[in-house]
Amino acid sequence: MKIKLLLGVTLMCGTLSFAQNADPVIMTVNGKPVPRSEFEYSYNKNNTDGVIDRKSVKEYVDLFINYKLKVEAAKEAGLDTMLSFRQEFSGYRDQQIRPAMISEEDVEAEARKIYRQTQQQVDQNGGMVHVAHILVMMKQQATPDENRKAKVRIDSVYEALKKGADFAALAKQVSQDPGSANNGGELPMIVKGQTLKEFEDVAWSLKDGEMSEPFMSPAGWHIVLKKGHQNFYSYDSQRDAIMKYIDQRGLREQIINAKLDTLSKQEHVSTAALLEAKRKEMEEKDPSLKYLIREYYDGLLLYEISNRTVWDKAQKDERGLQAFFKKNKKKYKWEEPRFKGIAYHTRDKKDVKAVVKAVRKLPFDMWAEKLRTTFNADSVLRIKVEKGLFKKGDNALVDRKMFKTDTVPALMKDFPYTNVYGKKLKAPKEMSDVRALVVSDYQDYLEKQWVAQLRRKYQVTVNENVLETVNKHE
């Protein structure tokens, strides 16, 4: 017995060892092993043939490590415990898992249920009838003379039919229902509730092959020929339409909810537990799904921690931005001068000087609001202004007046007087002159500092032997 037990343990250990070797650890980040398959998934997804900046495996290692380190920092900050994070992630995860909770048989069962309900409703309400009709239209508030003419016309049609005139030919000639006239007055199969009540009352009262006398509905005067009747269509003939209806109305979600509710009651577990169990089952069969879900999980954390540590901080850290600009001012020199100011058009000649007077003692970032409240506060616009940091070619008026080019500015209707006001700069004087560039560079600076800090804080080891086998194993 002991020999058999020992043999069993040995075999199990051998199997476990084989499983581990099948997906060896390629690196350890903060004590957490990363299997080769995860690295391969990330590398192959981000380095397809169409990628412009395609990396080699070794080049990608540092990028992957930085990514993992940032996720570790986010977890340490507790970002994965935030309610907003858990809700967003669970919503995404469930999008991947919920559809697998039902089979095509479940959808088929729902389609048959919809069919049976429709079939019963139609058949218990008189089935379907096939009719042709001739219509002489009449307005809702027709005059007595119009009523008389319509009645005379439908009666003459009826008399012709009684004498043997062909119904289809006459419908094409005189019926004022454009939808059916070209088809000899013939309508598709109809069910009750689909047409006017007065029309239905007559159509269902006739025998097959019988023709009605002229009668009125809100649409006008009709003559109906009943061509036949039947029960509702077969399931097979309607299946495609029902399946389309299920997808268009989003009924698969209802089928999933019903299935989860049933399973939850049968197995006495929560729907969340059912979805979690299904996720594990699916990931066992498809490792790429596991990494897709993990990628989204890590991506949410990465976005939040990066926004807090780098992106948002760089946007709001005015003191840091100013210091960074001052230290790197030479980097932001222009090849050509810029004009920092306004190009404007006025209705009245006196406003040309008034504009300059309004803004000349104010900081540049206050000009727009001052001009709006001074000149364009009411319904009549007195000036039109373009404010900014212009290089040659940006604005024809600036080009002519400040850069002395041969351009001819376009005239604005009702605004004949033009001018520019501001300063020509050989190089940016203030950080705001090149703010977008400074913010971008400051973000890069903060990013590098942050990564260096994370590298010092968290231990990383890379198995070079396993790294050599990436995408080179069976």
Protein backbone atom coordinates (compact mmCIF):
# COMPACT_ATOMS: atom_id res chain seq x y z
CA MET A 1 0.00 0.00 0.00
CA LYS A 2 2.84 2.38 0.94
CA ILE A 3 4.67 1.49 -2.27
CA LYS A 4 1.56 2.29 -4.34
CA LEU A 5 1.03 5.57 -2.48
CA LEU A 6 4.66 6.57 -2.94
CA LEU A 7 4.47 5.73 -6.63
CA GLY A 8 1.36 7.89 -6.95
CA VAL A 9 3.04 10.85 -5.27
CA THR A 10 6.09 10.45 -7.52
CA LEU A 11 3.93 10.47 -10.62
CA MET A 12 2.06 13.56 -9.42
CA CYS A 13 5.31 15.39 -8.72
CA GLY A 14 6.57 14.44 -12.16
CA THR A 15 3.41 15.81 -13.77
CA LEU A 16 3.61 19.02 -11.76
CA SER A 17 7.25 19.50 -12.73
CA PHE A 18 6.38 19.02 -16.39
CA ALA A 19 3.56 21.59 -16.13
CA GLN A 20 5.88 24.15 -14.57
CA ASN A 21 8.57 23.60 -17.19
CA ALA A 22 6.00 23.98 -19.95
CA ASP A 23 5.61 27.64 -18.98
CA PRO A 24 8.77 28.67 -17.10
CA VAL A 25 9.17 31.90 -15.14
CA ILE A 26 10.79 34.52 -17.33
CA MET A 27 11.17 37.16 -14.62
CA THR A 28 10.23 38.02 -11.07
CA VAL A 29 8.91 41.50 -10.25
CA ASN A 30 8.65 42.44 -6.57
CA GLY A 31 8.69 38.78 -5.68
CA LYS A 32 5.90 37.89 -8.12
CA PRO A 33 6.73 35.42 -10.91
CA VAL A 34 5.86 36.26 -14.50
CA PRO A 35 5.42 33.22 -16.77
CA ARG A 36 6.90 33.21 -20.23
CA SER A 37 3.43 32.96 -21.78
CA GLU A 38 2.39 36.30 -20.26
CA PHE A 39 5.48 38.06 -21.59
CA GLU A 40 4.97 36.45 -25.01
CA TYR A 41 1.33 37.56 -25.09
CA SER A 42 2.30 41.16 -24.36
CA TYR A 43 5.29 41.18 -26.70
CA ASN A 44 3.46 39.62 -29.65
CA LYS A 45 0.44 41.87 -29.25
CA ASN A 46 2.52 45.06 -29.19
CA ASN A 47 5.04 44.10 -31.86
CA THR A 48 3.03 42.91 -34.83
CA ASP A 49 4.31 43.37 -38.38
CA GLY A 50 2.36 46.63 -38.79
CA VAL A 51 3.91 48.36 -35.76
CA ILE A 52 6.22 51.22 -36.79
CA ASP A 53 8.50 51.14 -33.73
CA ARG A 54 8.78 47.39 -33.51
CA LYS A 55 11.02 46.13 -30.70
CA SER A 56 13.22 43.08 -30.40
CA VAL A 57 12.54 40.77 -27.46
CA LYS A 58 15.48 42.19 -25.52
CA GLU A 59 14.45 45.77 -26.28
CA TYR A 60 10.96 45.02 -25.05
CA VAL A 61 12.11 43.62 -21.70
CA ASP A 62 12.71 47.03 -20.11
CA LEU A 63 9.36 48.36 -21.33
CA PHE A 64 7.58 45.34 -19.91
CA ILE A 65 9.40 45.62 -16.57
CA ASN A 66 8.51 49.33 -16.29
CA TYR A 67 4.88 48.44 -16.98
CA LYS A 68 4.90 45.78 -14.26
CA LEU A 69 6.61 48.10 -11.77
CA LYS A 70 3.97 50.78 -12.25
CA VAL A 71 1.20 48.23 -11.69
CA GLU A 72 2.93 47.18 -8.46
CA ALA A 73 3.03 50.81 -7.36
CA ALA A 74 -0.68 51.16 -8.09
CA LYS A 75 -1.52 48.09 -6.04
CA GLU A 76 0.65 49.32 -3.17
CA ALA A 77 -1.29 52.61 -3.30
CA GLY A 78 -4.52 50.64 -2.95
CA LEU A 79 -5.94 51.73 -6.28
CA ASP A 80 -7.23 48.22 -6.93
CA THR A 81 -9.47 48.50 -3.86
CA MET A 82 -11.33 51.61 -5.03
CA LEU A 83 -15.02 51.05 -5.72
CA SER A 84 -14.79 52.87 -9.07
CA PHE A 85 -11.96 50.57 -10.16
CA ARG A 86 -13.73 47.39 -9.07
CA GLN A 87 -16.93 48.39 -10.84
CA GLU A 88 -15.21 49.30 -14.11
CA PHE A 89 -13.08 46.19 -14.13
CA SER A 90 -15.90 43.82 -13.24
CA GLY A 91 -18.01 45.38 -15.99
CA TYR A 92 -15.31 44.70 -18.58
CA ARG A 93 -14.57 41.21 -17.25
CA ASP A 94 -18.25 40.31 -17.36
CA GLN A 95 -18.47 41.46 -20.99
CA GLN A 96 -15.94 38.77 -21.84
CA ILE A 97 -17.51 36.05 -19.66
CA ARG A 98 -21.28 36.58 -19.70
CA PRO A 99 -21.87 35.53 -23.35
CA ALA A 100 -20.29 32.14 -22.56
CA MET A 101 -22.88 31.49 -19.83
CA ILE A 102 -25.41 30.51 -22.48
CA SER A 103 -25.27 28.07 -25.37
CA GLU A 104 -26.86 28.20 -28.78
CA GLU A 105 -29.42 25.77 -27.38
CA ASP A 106 -30.43 28.44 -24.82
CA VAL A 107 -30.90 31.00 -27.57
CA GLU A 108 -32.80 28.47 -29.67
CA ALA A 109 -35.12 27.77 -26.73
CA GLU A 110 -35.82 31.50 -26.36
CA ALA A 111 -36.48 31.79 -30.10
CA ARG A 112 -39.01 28.94 -29.90
CA LYS A 113 -40.62 30.57 -26.87
CA ILE A 114 -41.04 33.84 -28.80
CA TYR A 115 -42.44 31.90 -31.73
CA ARG A 116 -44.96 30.01 -29.58
CA GLN A 117 -46.19 33.21 -27.95
CA THR A 118 -46.66 34.88 -31.33
CA GLN A 119 -48.25 31.79 -32.84
CA GLN A 120 -50.78 31.48 -30.02
CA GLN A 121 -51.63 35.17 -30.15
CA VAL A 122 -52.21 35.11 -33.91
CA ASP A 123 -54.04 31.79 -34.16
CA GLN A 124 -56.31 32.48 -31.18
CA ASN A 125 -57.18 35.83 -32.71
CA GLY A 126 -58.41 34.53 -36.04
CA GLY A 127 -55.21 33.51 -37.75
CA MET A 128 -53.93 35.27 -40.87
CA VAL A 129 -55.87 36.40 -43.92
CA HIS A 130 -54.75 37.08 -47.46
CA VAL A 131 -56.73 39.86 -49.15
CA ALA A 132 -56.65 42.25 -52.08
CA HIS A 133 -58.43 45.60 -51.98
CA ILE A 134 -59.30 48.64 -54.02
CA LEU A 135 -59.21 52.00 -52.25
CA VAL A 136 -60.78 55.33 -53.17
CA MET A 137 -59.16 57.72 -50.72
CA MET A 138 -61.14 60.39 -48.89
CA LYS A 139 -59.87 63.23 -46.72
CA GLN A 140 -60.80 63.24 -43.02
CA GLN A 141 -62.78 66.49 -43.38
CA ALA A 142 -64.07 65.98 -46.90
CA THR A 143 -66.87 68.20 -48.17
CA PRO A 144 -70.29 66.67 -48.95
CA ASP A 145 -69.50 67.02 -52.65
CA GLU A 146 -66.19 65.16 -52.25
CA ASN A 147 -67.97 62.42 -50.30
CA ARG A 148 -70.57 62.07 -53.04
CA LYS A 149 -67.95 61.83 -55.81
CA ALA A 150 -65.96 59.19 -53.90
CA LYS A 151 -69.12 57.13 -53.31
CA VAL A 152 -70.08 57.34 -56.97
CA ARG A 153 -66.60 56.21 -58.00
CA ILE A 154 -66.42 53.19 -55.64
CA ASP A 155 -69.96 52.15 -56.63
CA SER A 156 -69.07 52.20 -60.32
CA VAL A 157 -65.99 50.05 -59.58
CA TYR A 158 -68.15 47.62 -57.59
CA GLU A 159 -70.69 47.34 -60.42
CA ALA A 160 -67.89 46.60 -62.90
CA LEU A 161 -66.54 43.85 -60.63
CA LYS A 162 -69.96 42.28 -60.25
CA LYS A 163 -70.24 42.15 -64.01
CA GLY A 164 -66.99 40.18 -64.26
CA ALA A 165 -64.22 42.77 -64.44
CA ASP A 166 -60.83 41.47 -63.36
CA PHE A 167 -60.13 42.58 -59.77
CA ALA A 168 -56.35 42.83 -60.17
CA ALA A 169 -56.55 44.79 -63.42
CA LEU A 170 -59.09 47.21 -61.98
CA ALA A 171 -57.05 47.66 -58.78
CA LYS A 172 -54.00 48.63 -60.84
CA GLN A 173 -56.12 51.11 -62.76
CA VAL A 174 -58.15 52.85 -60.04
CA SER A 175 -56.93 51.96 -56.52
CA GLN A 176 -55.38 54.88 -54.65
CA ASP A 177 -53.35 52.70 -52.27
CA PRO A 178 -49.85 53.07 -53.79
CA GLY A 179 -48.48 50.20 -51.72
CA SER A 180 -50.77 47.58 -53.21
CA ALA A 181 -52.19 49.02 -56.46
CA ASN A 182 -49.18 47.96 -58.57
CA ASN A 183 -49.62 44.44 -57.18
CA GLY A 184 -53.23 44.18 -58.26
CA GLY A 185 -54.44 45.37 -54.84
CA GLU A 186 -52.91 42.35 -53.15
CA LEU A 187 -51.62 42.76 -49.59
CA PRO A 188 -49.22 40.51 -47.68
CA MET A 189 -50.73 38.19 -45.09
CA ILE A 190 -52.19 40.32 -42.29
CA VAL A 191 -53.09 39.65 -38.67
CA LYS A 192 -55.53 41.49 -36.44
CA GLY A 193 -54.20 44.71 -35.03
CA GLN A 194 -52.10 45.34 -38.10
CA THR A 195 -54.60 47.42 -40.09
CA LEU A 196 -57.67 49.62 -39.50
CA LYS A 197 -60.42 48.00 -37.40
CA GLU A 198 -63.11 48.67 -40.04
CA PHE A 199 -60.94 46.95 -42.64
CA GLU A 200 -60.23 43.96 -40.36
CA ASP A 201 -63.89 43.49 -39.43
CA VAL A 202 -64.78 43.03 -43.08
CA ALA A 203 -61.70 41.00 -44.04
CA TRP A 204 -62.24 38.40 -41.29
CA SER A 205 -66.01 38.18 -41.93
CA LEU A 206 -65.61 37.12 -45.56
CA LYS A 207 -65.26 33.58 -46.82
CA ASP A 208 -62.32 32.60 -49.02
CA GLY A 209 -62.94 33.89 -52.56
CA GLU A 210 -65.73 36.23 -51.42
CA MET A 211 -65.76 39.95 -52.29
CA SER A 212 -67.16 42.64 -49.99
CA GLU A 213 -69.52 45.46 -50.84
CA PRO A 214 -68.01 48.97 -50.67
CA PHE A 215 -67.40 50.09 -47.08
CA MET A 216 -65.78 53.04 -45.35
CA SER A 217 -62.78 53.38 -43.05
CA PRO A 218 -60.87 56.49 -41.96
CA ALA A 219 -58.77 56.03 -45.12
CA GLY A 220 -61.70 56.14 -47.53
CA TRP A 221 -63.85 53.63 -49.46
CA HIS A 222 -62.73 50.00 -49.87
CA ILE A 223 -63.70 46.88 -51.73
CA VAL A 224 -62.00 43.74 -50.35
CA LEU A 225 -61.50 40.37 -52.01
CA LYS A 226 -60.55 37.60 -49.58
CA LYS A 227 -58.09 35.29 -51.31
CA GLY A 228 -57.46 32.90 -48.41
CA HIS A 229 -56.58 32.38 -44.76
CA GLN A 230 -54.21 30.25 -42.68
CA ASN A 231 -52.73 29.77 -39.26
CA PHE A 232 -49.39 31.41 -38.34
CA TYR A 233 -46.27 30.52 -40.32
CA SER A 234 -44.07 27.54 -39.41
CA TYR A 235 -41.16 28.02 -36.98
CA ASP A 236 -38.55 27.14 -39.61
CA SER A 237 -39.80 29.88 -41.93
CA GLN A 238 -39.57 32.49 -39.14
CA ARG A 239 -36.42 31.34 -37.34
CA ASP A 240 -33.98 33.71 -39.06
CA ALA A 241 -36.25 36.70 -38.44
CA ILE A 242 -36.65 35.75 -34.77
CA MET A 243 -32.89 35.37 -34.31
CA LYS A 244 -32.40 38.80 -35.88
CA TYR A 245 -35.05 40.19 -33.54
CA ILE A 246 -33.25 38.69 -30.52
CA ASP A 247 -29.96 40.34 -31.50
CA GLN A 248 -31.48 43.70 -32.44
CA ARG A 249 -33.42 43.98 -29.15
CA GLY A 250 -30.49 42.86 -27.00
CA LEU A 251 -32.46 39.87 -25.74
CA ARG A 252 -29.33 37.76 -25.32
CA GLU A 253 -28.62 39.73 -22.14
CA GLN A 254 -32.05 38.77 -20.83
CA ILE A 255 -31.38 35.13 -21.67
CA ILE A 256 -28.06 35.34 -19.81
CA ASN A 257 -29.70 36.95 -16.78
CA ALA A 258 -32.38 34.27 -16.70
CA LYS A 259 -29.78 31.50 -16.98
CA LEU A 260 -27.68 33.00 -14.19
CA ASP A 261 -30.74 33.40 -11.99
CA THR A 262 -31.74 29.78 -12.55
CA LEU A 263 -28.24 28.44 -11.88
CA SER A 264 -27.89 30.65 -8.82
CA LYS A 265 -31.05 29.18 -7.30
CA GLN A 266 -30.15 25.62 -8.25
CA GLU A 267 -26.58 25.75 -6.93
CA HIS A 268 -27.21 28.18 -4.04
CA VAL A 269 -24.41 30.53 -5.07
CA SER A 270 -24.29 34.15 -6.17
CA THR A 271 -24.21 35.16 -9.83
CA ALA A 272 -20.79 36.73 -9.16
CA ALA A 273 -19.49 33.33 -8.02
CA LEU A 274 -20.92 31.71 -11.15
CA LEU A 275 -19.20 34.26 -13.38
CA GLU A 276 -15.92 33.84 -11.52
CA ALA A 277 -16.06 30.06 -11.91
CA LYS A 278 -16.82 30.45 -15.60
CA ARG A 279 -13.89 32.84 -15.99
CA LYS A 280 -11.47 30.30 -14.51
CA GLU A 281 -12.89 27.56 -16.73
CA MET A 282 -12.51 29.69 -19.85
CA GLU A 283 -8.99 30.81 -18.93
CA GLU A 284 -7.91 27.21 -18.51
CA LYS A 285 -8.99 26.55 -22.08
CA ASP A 286 -7.72 29.83 -23.51
CA PRO A 287 -4.70 31.45 -21.78
CA SER A 288 -4.94 34.46 -24.09
CA LEU A 289 -8.29 35.31 -22.48
CA LYS A 290 -6.62 35.27 -19.07
CA TYR A 291 -3.99 37.72 -20.26
CA LEU A 292 -6.55 39.87 -22.06
CA ILE A 293 -8.50 40.28 -18.82
CA ARG A 294 -5.33 40.83 -16.81
CA GLU A 295 -4.15 43.37 -19.37
CA TYR A 296 -7.34 45.36 -18.84
CA TYR A 297 -7.01 45.04 -15.06
CA ASP A 298 -3.41 46.23 -15.13
CA GLY A 299 -4.23 48.89 -17.73
CA LEU A 300 -6.83 50.52 -15.49
CA LEU A 301 -4.34 50.62 -12.63
CA LEU A 302 -1.57 51.88 -14.90
CA TYR A 303 -3.72 54.73 -16.21
CA GLU A 304 -4.77 55.87 -12.74
CA ILE A 305 -1.30 55.73 -11.16
CA SER A 306 0.31 57.40 -14.21
CA ASN A 307 -2.28 60.15 -14.19
CA ARG A 308 -1.69 60.84 -10.51
CA THR A 309 2.09 60.58 -10.63
CA VAL A 310 2.91 62.06 -14.05
CA TRP A 311 0.21 63.33 -16.41
CA ASP A 312 -2.12 65.28 -14.13
CA LYS A 313 0.74 66.37 -11.90
CA ALA A 314 2.65 67.82 -14.84
CA GLN A 315 -0.39 69.79 -15.97
CA LYS A 316 -1.03 71.34 -12.56
CA ASP A 317 2.47 71.74 -11.14
CA GLU A 318 2.98 75.38 -12.15
CA ARG A 319 6.04 75.82 -9.93
CA GLY A 320 7.63 72.67 -11.32
CA LEU A 321 6.85 73.68 -14.90
CA GLN A 322 8.35 77.14 -14.41
CA ALA A 323 11.50 75.67 -12.86
CA PHE A 324 11.80 73.10 -15.64
CA PHE A 325 11.37 75.79 -18.30
CA LYS A 326 13.95 78.07 -16.67
CA LYS A 327 16.48 75.23 -16.47
CA ASN A 328 15.90 74.11 -20.08
CA LYS A 329 15.09 77.47 -21.72
CA LYS A 330 17.71 77.05 -24.47
CA LYS A 331 15.92 73.91 -25.64
CA TYR A 332 12.86 75.92 -26.67
CA LYS A 333 14.50 78.43 -29.02
CA TRP A 334 12.71 79.04 -32.30
CA GLU A 335 14.34 78.90 -35.71
CA GLU A 336 12.26 81.93 -36.73
CA PRO A 337 10.70 84.72 -34.65
CA ARG A 338 7.09 84.63 -33.49
CA PHE A 339 4.48 87.34 -33.04
CA LYS A 340 2.69 87.19 -29.70
CA GLY A 341 -0.43 89.26 -29.86
CA ILE A 342 -3.71 89.82 -31.70
CA ALA A 343 -4.84 90.39 -35.27
CA TYR A 344 -8.17 92.20 -35.29
CA HIS A 345 -10.88 93.75 -37.48
CA THR A 346 -13.27 96.53 -36.39
CA ARG A 347 -16.55 98.01 -37.63
CA ASP A 348 -15.64 101.53 -36.52
CA LYS A 349 -12.32 103.26 -37.22
CA LYS A 350 -12.08 104.64 -33.69
CA ASP A 351 -12.08 101.12 -32.24
CA VAL A 352 -8.70 100.40 -33.84
CA LYS A 353 -6.99 102.52 -31.16
CA ALA A 354 -9.55 101.61 -28.50
CA VAL A 355 -8.52 97.94 -28.71
CA VAL A 356 -4.88 98.77 -27.99
CA LYS A 357 -5.86 101.06 -25.12
CA ALA A 358 -8.00 98.31 -23.58
CA VAL A 359 -5.27 95.67 -23.36
CA ARG A 360 -1.85 97.31 -23.32
CA LYS A 361 -1.50 97.35 -19.52
CA LEU A 362 -2.90 93.85 -19.00
CA PRO A 363 -1.19 90.42 -18.96
CA PHE A 364 -1.52 88.60 -22.27
CA ASP A 365 -3.78 85.87 -20.86
CA MET A 366 -6.37 88.50 -19.82
CA TRP A 367 -6.69 90.13 -23.25
CA ALA A 368 -9.44 87.89 -24.66
CA GLU A 369 -11.84 88.42 -21.75
CA LYS A 370 -11.18 92.17 -21.66
CA LEU A 371 -11.89 92.53 -25.39
CA ARG A 372 -15.05 90.44 -25.13
CA THR A 373 -16.54 92.45 -22.27
CA THR A 374 -15.48 95.82 -23.72
CA PHE A 375 -16.44 95.42 -27.35
CA ASN A 376 -18.67 92.35 -27.81
CA ALA A 377 -20.76 92.17 -24.64
CA ASP A 378 -24.07 92.99 -26.36
CA SER A 379 -25.76 91.55 -29.44
CA VAL A 380 -23.77 93.70 -31.88
CA LEU A 381 -20.17 92.59 -32.45
CA ARG A 382 -17.82 95.55 -32.76
CA ILE A 383 -14.59 93.59 -33.36
CA LYS A 384 -13.35 90.22 -34.55
CA VAL A 385 -10.08 89.04 -33.01
CA GLU A 386 -7.58 86.21 -33.44
CA LYS A 387 -5.22 85.92 -30.48
CA GLY A 388 -2.16 83.70 -30.27
CA LEU A 389 1.51 83.05 -30.88
CA PHE A 390 1.91 83.36 -34.65
CA LYS A 391 4.72 82.15 -36.85
CA LYS A 392 5.11 83.28 -40.44
CA GLY A 393 2.32 81.83 -42.53
CA ASP A 394 -0.23 81.47 -39.70
CA ASN A 395 -2.14 84.71 -40.36
CA ALA A 396 -2.03 86.90 -43.49
CA LEU A 397 -2.60 90.14 -41.56
CA VAL A 398 0.24 89.34 -39.13
CA ASP A 399 2.47 88.31 -42.02
CA ARG A 400 1.93 91.66 -43.78
CA LYS A 401 2.24 93.98 -40.78
CA MET A 402 4.80 92.18 -38.59
CA PHE A 403 6.82 89.94 -40.94
CA LYS A 404 6.64 92.40 -43.88
CA THR A 405 5.57 89.80 -46.43
CA ASP A 406 3.69 90.50 -49.64
CA THR A 407 0.46 88.86 -48.49
CA VAL A 408 -2.96 90.38 -49.06
CA PRO A 409 -5.25 89.78 -46.04
CA ALA A 410 -8.84 88.88 -46.90
CA LEU A 411 -11.35 91.61 -46.14
CA MET A 412 -14.13 90.86 -43.66
CA LYS A 413 -17.60 92.07 -44.54
CA ASP A 414 -18.72 94.90 -42.20
CA PHE A 415 -15.28 94.94 -40.51
CA PRO A 416 -13.14 97.09 -42.86
CA TYR A 417 -10.53 98.35 -40.37
CA THR A 418 -7.63 96.07 -39.46
CA ASN A 419 -4.61 96.11 -37.17
CA VAL A 420 -2.30 93.96 -35.10
CA TYR A 421 -1.00 94.55 -31.59
CA GLY A 422 1.63 92.67 -29.62
CA LYS A 423 5.34 91.86 -29.67
CA LYS A 424 7.67 90.09 -32.02
CA LEU A 425 9.75 87.54 -30.08
CA LYS A 426 13.01 85.98 -31.19
CA ALA A 427 12.70 83.34 -28.46
CA PRO A 428 10.04 82.42 -25.89
CA LYS A 429 10.18 84.72 -22.88
CA GLU A 430 7.60 83.01 -20.71
CA MET A 431 6.80 79.38 -20.10
CA SER A 432 3.28 80.01 -21.41
CA ASP A 433 4.79 80.79 -24.84
CA VAL A 434 5.69 77.10 -25.24
CA ARG A 435 3.52 75.55 -22.54
CA ALA A 436 2.44 72.47 -24.52
CA LEU A 437 6.06 71.52 -25.26
CA VAL A 438 7.17 72.16 -21.70
CA VAL A 439 4.33 70.07 -20.26
CA SER A 440 5.19 67.20 -22.60
CA ASP A 441 8.88 67.33 -21.71
CA TYR A 442 8.13 67.72 -18.02
CA GLN A 443 5.94 64.62 -18.17
CA ASP A 444 8.84 62.68 -19.72
CA TYR A 445 11.13 63.99 -16.98
CA LEU A 446 8.72 62.96 -14.19
CA GLU A 447 8.23 59.57 -15.86
CA LYS A 448 11.95 58.84 -15.92
CA GLN A 449 12.36 59.91 -12.30
CA TRP A 450 9.42 57.76 -11.26
CA VAL A 451 10.68 54.66 -13.10
CA ALA A 452 14.16 55.08 -11.59
CA GLN A 453 12.58 55.29 -8.15
CA LEU A 454 10.50 52.15 -8.78
CA ARG A 455 13.56 50.28 -9.99
CA ARG A 456 15.33 51.11 -6.73
CA LYS A 457 12.29 50.21 -4.66
CA TYR A 458 11.22 46.88 -6.20
CA GLN A 459 13.52 44.00 -6.96
CA VAL A 460 13.49 42.59 -10.49
CA THR A 461 15.26 39.48 -11.74
CA VAL A 462 15.24 38.24 -15.34
CA ASN A 463 15.92 34.64 -16.33
CA GLU A 464 18.12 35.17 -19.38
CA ASN A 465 17.97 31.49 -20.35
CA VAL A 466 14.17 31.58 -20.54
CA LEU A 467 14.28 34.94 -22.32
CA GLU A 468 16.26 33.28 -25.12
CA THR A 469 13.39 30.84 -25.70
CA VAL A 470 10.66 33.46 -26.29
CA ASN A 471 8.70 32.47 -29.40
CA LYS A 472 11.24 29.66 -30.02
CA HIS A 473 9.62 26.72 -28.22
CA GLU A 474 7.06 24.15 -29.20
